[in-house]
Amino acid sequence: MKKFIISLLFISLALVLSACNTIKGVGQDVQKAGEAIENAVKK
């Protein structure tokens, strides 16, 4: 039972860390899209 709980904790940690990277990537994409729109408006 103890091994199962430890395994579940590690799996949860891996999912949380991968979600953070995904959210960071989406934030960067949105920022780049905003910059592109700003540049288009300035022209």
PDB file of N, CA and C in Angstrom:
ATOM      1  N   MET A   1       0.823  -1.191   0.000  1.00  0.00           N
ATOM      2  CA  MET A   1       0.000   0.000   0.000  1.00  0.00           C
ATOM      3  C   MET A   1       0.869   1.258   0.000  1.00  0.00           C
ATOM      4  N   LYS A   2       1.964   1.220   0.769  1.00  0.00           N
ATOM      5  CA  LYS A   2       2.850   2.370   0.854  1.00  0.00           C
ATOM      6  C   LYS A   2       3.503   2.661  -0.504  1.00  0.00           C
ATOM      7  N   LYS A   3       3.879   1.614  -1.223  1.00  0.00           N
ATOM      8  CA  LYS A   3       4.483   1.795  -2.547  1.00  0.00           C
ATOM      9  C   LYS A   3       3.476   2.418  -3.514  1.00  0.00           C
ATOM     10  N   PHE A   4       2.218   2.021  -3.396  1.00  0.00           N
ATOM     11  CA  PHE A   4       1.170   2.574  -4.261  1.00  0.00           C
ATOM     12  C   PHE A   4       1.009   4.073  -4.026  1.00  0.00           C
ATOM     13  N   ILE A   5       1.007   4.490  -2.771  1.00  0.00           N
ATOM     14  CA  ILE A   5       0.844   5.907  -2.443  1.00  0.00           C
ATOM     15  C   ILE A   5       2.035   6.721  -2.937  1.00  0.00           C
ATOM     16  N   ILE A   6       3.229   6.185  -2.765  1.00  0.00           N
ATOM     17  CA  ILE A   6       4.428   6.876  -3.235  1.00  0.00           C
ATOM     18  C   ILE A   6       4.406   6.993  -4.758  1.00  0.00           C
ATOM     19  N   SER A   7       4.006   5.935  -5.432  1.00  0.00           N
ATOM     20  CA  SER A   7       3.912   5.975  -6.894  1.00  0.00           C
ATOM     21  C   SER A   7       2.885   7.006  -7.339  1.00  0.00           C
ATOM     22  N   LEU A   8       1.768   7.054  -6.658  1.00  0.00           N
ATOM     23  CA  LEU A   8       0.722   8.022  -6.991  1.00  0.00           C
ATOM     24  C   LEU A   8       1.223   9.450  -6.792  1.00  0.00           C
ATOM     25  N   LEU A   9       1.983   9.691  -5.752  1.00  0.00           N
ATOM     26  CA  LEU A   9       2.544  11.022  -5.511  1.00  0.00           C
ATOM     27  C   LEU A   9       3.508  11.433  -6.626  1.00  0.00           C
ATOM     28  N   PHE A  10       4.365  10.498  -7.054  1.00  0.00           N
ATOM     29  CA  PHE A  10       5.303  10.810  -8.125  1.00  0.00           C
ATOM     30  C   PHE A  10       4.580  11.079  -9.447  1.00  0.00           C
ATOM     31  N   ILE A  11       3.562  10.317  -9.739  1.00  0.00           N
ATOM     32  CA  ILE A  11       2.784  10.531 -10.967  1.00  0.00           C
ATOM     33  C   ILE A  11       2.092  11.894 -10.914  1.00  0.00           C
ATOM     34  N   SER A  12       1.527  12.227  -9.767  1.00  0.00           N
ATOM     35  CA  SER A  12       0.871  13.527  -9.607  1.00  0.00           C
ATOM     36  C   SER A  12       1.861  14.666  -9.785  1.00  0.00           C
ATOM     37  N   LEU A  13       3.036  14.518  -9.205  1.00  0.00           N
ATOM     38  CA  LEU A  13       4.068  15.540  -9.329  1.00  0.00           C
ATOM     39  C   LEU A  13       4.475  15.722 -10.795  1.00  0.00           C
ATOM     40  N   ALA A  14       4.629  14.646 -11.514  1.00  0.00           N
ATOM     41  CA  ALA A  14       4.993  14.729 -12.930  1.00  0.00           C
ATOM     42  C   ALA A  14       3.919  15.446 -13.733  1.00  0.00           C
ATOM     43  N   LEU A  15       2.667  15.159 -13.440  1.00  0.00           N
ATOM     44  CA  LEU A  15       1.575  15.827 -14.156  1.00  0.00           C
ATOM     45  C   LEU A  15       1.531  17.318 -13.853  1.00  0.00           C
ATOM     46  N   VAL A  16       1.740  17.665 -12.607  1.00  0.00           N
ATOM     47  CA  VAL A  16       1.727  19.081 -12.230  1.00  0.00           C
ATOM     48  C   VAL A  16       2.861  19.827 -12.918  1.00  0.00           C
ATOM     49  N   LEU A  17       4.040  19.244 -12.934  1.00  0.00           N
ATOM     50  CA  LEU A  17       5.182  19.904 -13.568  1.00  0.00           C
ATOM     51  C   LEU A  17       4.987  20.047 -15.073  1.00  0.00           C
ATOM     52  N   SER A  18       4.418  19.055 -15.708  1.00  0.00           N
ATOM     53  CA  SER A  18       4.191  19.159 -17.153  1.00  0.00           C
ATOM     54  C   SER A  18       3.102  20.180 -17.451  1.00  0.00           C
ATOM     55  N   ALA A  19       2.122  20.306 -16.579  1.00  0.00           N
ATOM     56  CA  ALA A  19       1.071  21.309 -16.777  1.00  0.00           C
ATOM     57  C   ALA A  19       1.651  22.708 -16.664  1.00  0.00           C
ATOM     58  N   CYS A  20       2.589  22.908 -15.750  1.00  0.00           N
ATOM     59  CA  CYS A  20       3.219  24.227 -15.608  1.00  0.00           C
ATOM     60  C   CYS A  20       3.938  24.611 -16.898  1.00  0.00           C
ATOM     61  N   ASN A  21       4.648  23.672 -17.485  1.00  0.00           N
ATOM     62  CA  ASN A  21       5.347  23.958 -18.737  1.00  0.00           C
ATOM     63  C   ASN A  21       4.364  24.260 -19.853  1.00  0.00           C
ATOM     64  N   THR A  22       3.254  23.556 -19.884  1.00  0.00           N
ATOM     65  CA  THR A  22       2.255  23.793 -20.917  1.00  0.00           C
ATOM     66  C   THR A  22       1.651  25.177 -20.771  1.00  0.00           C
ATOM     67  N   ILE A  23       1.306  25.556 -19.558  1.00  0.00           N
ATOM     68  CA  ILE A  23       0.719  26.877 -19.323  1.00  0.00           C
ATOM     69  C   ILE A  23       1.724  27.970 -19.670  1.00  0.00           C
ATOM     70  N   LYS A  24       2.981  27.756 -19.335  1.00  0.00           N
ATOM     71  CA  LYS A  24       4.019  28.733 -19.669  1.00  0.00           C
ATOM     72  C   LYS A  24       4.122  28.897 -21.183  1.00  0.00           C
ATOM     73  N   GLY A  25       4.061  27.785 -21.913  1.00  0.00           N
ATOM     74  CA  GLY A  25       4.130  27.841 -23.375  1.00  0.00           C
ATOM     75  C   GLY A  25       2.951  28.581 -23.981  1.00  0.00           C
ATOM     76  N   VAL A  26       1.764  28.362 -23.443  1.00  0.00           N
ATOM     77  CA  VAL A  26       0.579  29.065 -23.934  1.00  0.00           C
ATOM     78  C   VAL A  26       0.731  30.554 -23.666  1.00  0.00           C
ATOM     79  N   GLY A  27       1.239  30.911 -22.498  1.00  0.00           N
ATOM     80  CA  GLY A  27       1.452  32.323 -22.169  1.00  0.00           C
ATOM     81  C   GLY A  27       2.421  32.989 -23.128  1.00  0.00           C
ATOM     82  N   GLN A  28       3.466  32.278 -23.492  1.00  0.00           N
ATOM     83  CA  GLN A  28       4.434  32.830 -24.440  1.00  0.00           C
ATOM     84  C   GLN A  28       3.805  33.001 -25.818  1.00  0.00           C
ATOM     85  N   ASP A  29       2.977  32.053 -26.249  1.00  0.00           N
ATOM     86  CA  ASP A  29       2.311  32.162 -27.541  1.00  0.00           C
ATOM     87  C   ASP A  29       1.372  33.360 -27.573  1.00  0.00           C
ATOM     88  N   VAL A  30       0.619  33.552 -26.492  1.00  0.00           N
ATOM     89  CA  VAL A  30      -0.309  34.680 -26.430  1.00  0.00           C
ATOM     90  C   VAL A  30       0.466  35.996 -26.443  1.00  0.00           C
ATOM     91  N   GLN A  31       1.590  36.031 -25.749  1.00  0.00           N
ATOM     92  CA  GLN A  31       2.403  37.246 -25.719  1.00  0.00           C
ATOM     93  C   GLN A  31       2.929  37.570 -27.121  1.00  0.00           C
ATOM     94  N   LYS A  32       3.406  36.563 -27.833  1.00  0.00           N
ATOM     95  CA  LYS A  32       3.918  36.790 -29.183  1.00  0.00           C
ATOM     96  C   LYS A  32       2.810  37.240 -30.130  1.00  0.00           C
ATOM     97  N   ALA A  33       1.615  36.685 -29.961  1.00  0.00           N
ATOM     98  CA  ALA A  33       0.490  37.102 -30.795  1.00  0.00           C
ATOM     99  C   ALA A  33       0.141  38.564 -30.504  1.00  0.00           C
ATOM    100  N   GLY A  34       0.170  38.949 -29.243  1.00  0.00           N
ATOM    101  CA  GLY A  34      -0.096  40.339 -28.870  1.00  0.00           C
ATOM    102  C   GLY A  34       0.940  41.278 -29.458  1.00  0.00           C
ATOM    103  N   GLU A  35       2.199  40.877 -29.441  1.00  0.00           N
ATOM    104  CA  GLU A  35       3.257  41.697 -30.025  1.00  0.00           C
ATOM    105  C   GLU A  35       3.064  41.842 -31.533  1.00  0.00           C
ATOM    106  N   ALA A  36       2.658  40.779 -32.189  1.00  0.00           N
ATOM    107  CA  ALA A  36       2.430  40.833 -33.633  1.00  0.00           C
ATOM    108  C   ALA A  36       1.277  41.798 -33.950  1.00  0.00           C
ATOM    109  N   ILE A  37       0.237  41.769 -33.156  1.00  0.00           N
ATOM    110  CA  ILE A  37      -0.894  42.668 -33.370  1.00  0.00           C
ATOM    111  C   ILE A  37      -0.464  44.121 -33.123  1.00  0.00           C
ATOM    112  N   GLU A  38       0.326  44.343 -32.075  1.00  0.00           N
ATOM    113  CA  GLU A  38       0.839  45.690 -31.804  1.00  0.00           C
ATOM    114  C   GLU A  38       1.646  46.209 -32.979  1.00  0.00           C
ATOM    115  N   ASN A  39       2.529  45.372 -33.518  1.00  0.00           N
ATOM    116  CA  ASN A  39       3.371  45.786 -34.646  1.00  0.00           C
ATOM    117  C   ASN A  39       2.524  46.082 -35.873  1.00  0.00           C
ATOM    118  N   ALA A  40       1.487  45.310 -36.086  1.00  0.00           N
ATOM    119  CA  ALA A  40       0.625  45.542 -37.243  1.00  0.00           C
ATOM    120  C   ALA A  40      -0.128  46.865 -37.091  1.00  0.00           C
ATOM    121  N   VAL A  41      -0.529  47.212 -35.893  1.00  0.00           N
ATOM    122  CA  VAL A  41      -1.262  48.456 -35.662  1.00  0.00           C
ATOM    123  C   VAL A  41      -0.340  49.656 -35.834  1.00  0.00           C
ATOM    124  N   LYS A  42       0.912  49.515 -35.422  1.00  0.00           N
ATOM    125  CA  LYS A  42       1.865  50.619 -35.521  1.00  0.00           C
ATOM    126  C   LYS A  42       2.196  50.949 -36.969  1.00  0.00           C
ATOM    127  N   LYS A  43       2.082  49.994 -37.878  1.00  0.00           N
ATOM    128  CA  LYS A  43       2.446  50.210 -39.291  1.00  0.00           C
ATOM    129  C   LYS A  43       1.404  50.960 -40.034  1.00  0.00           C
TER     130      LYS A  43
END
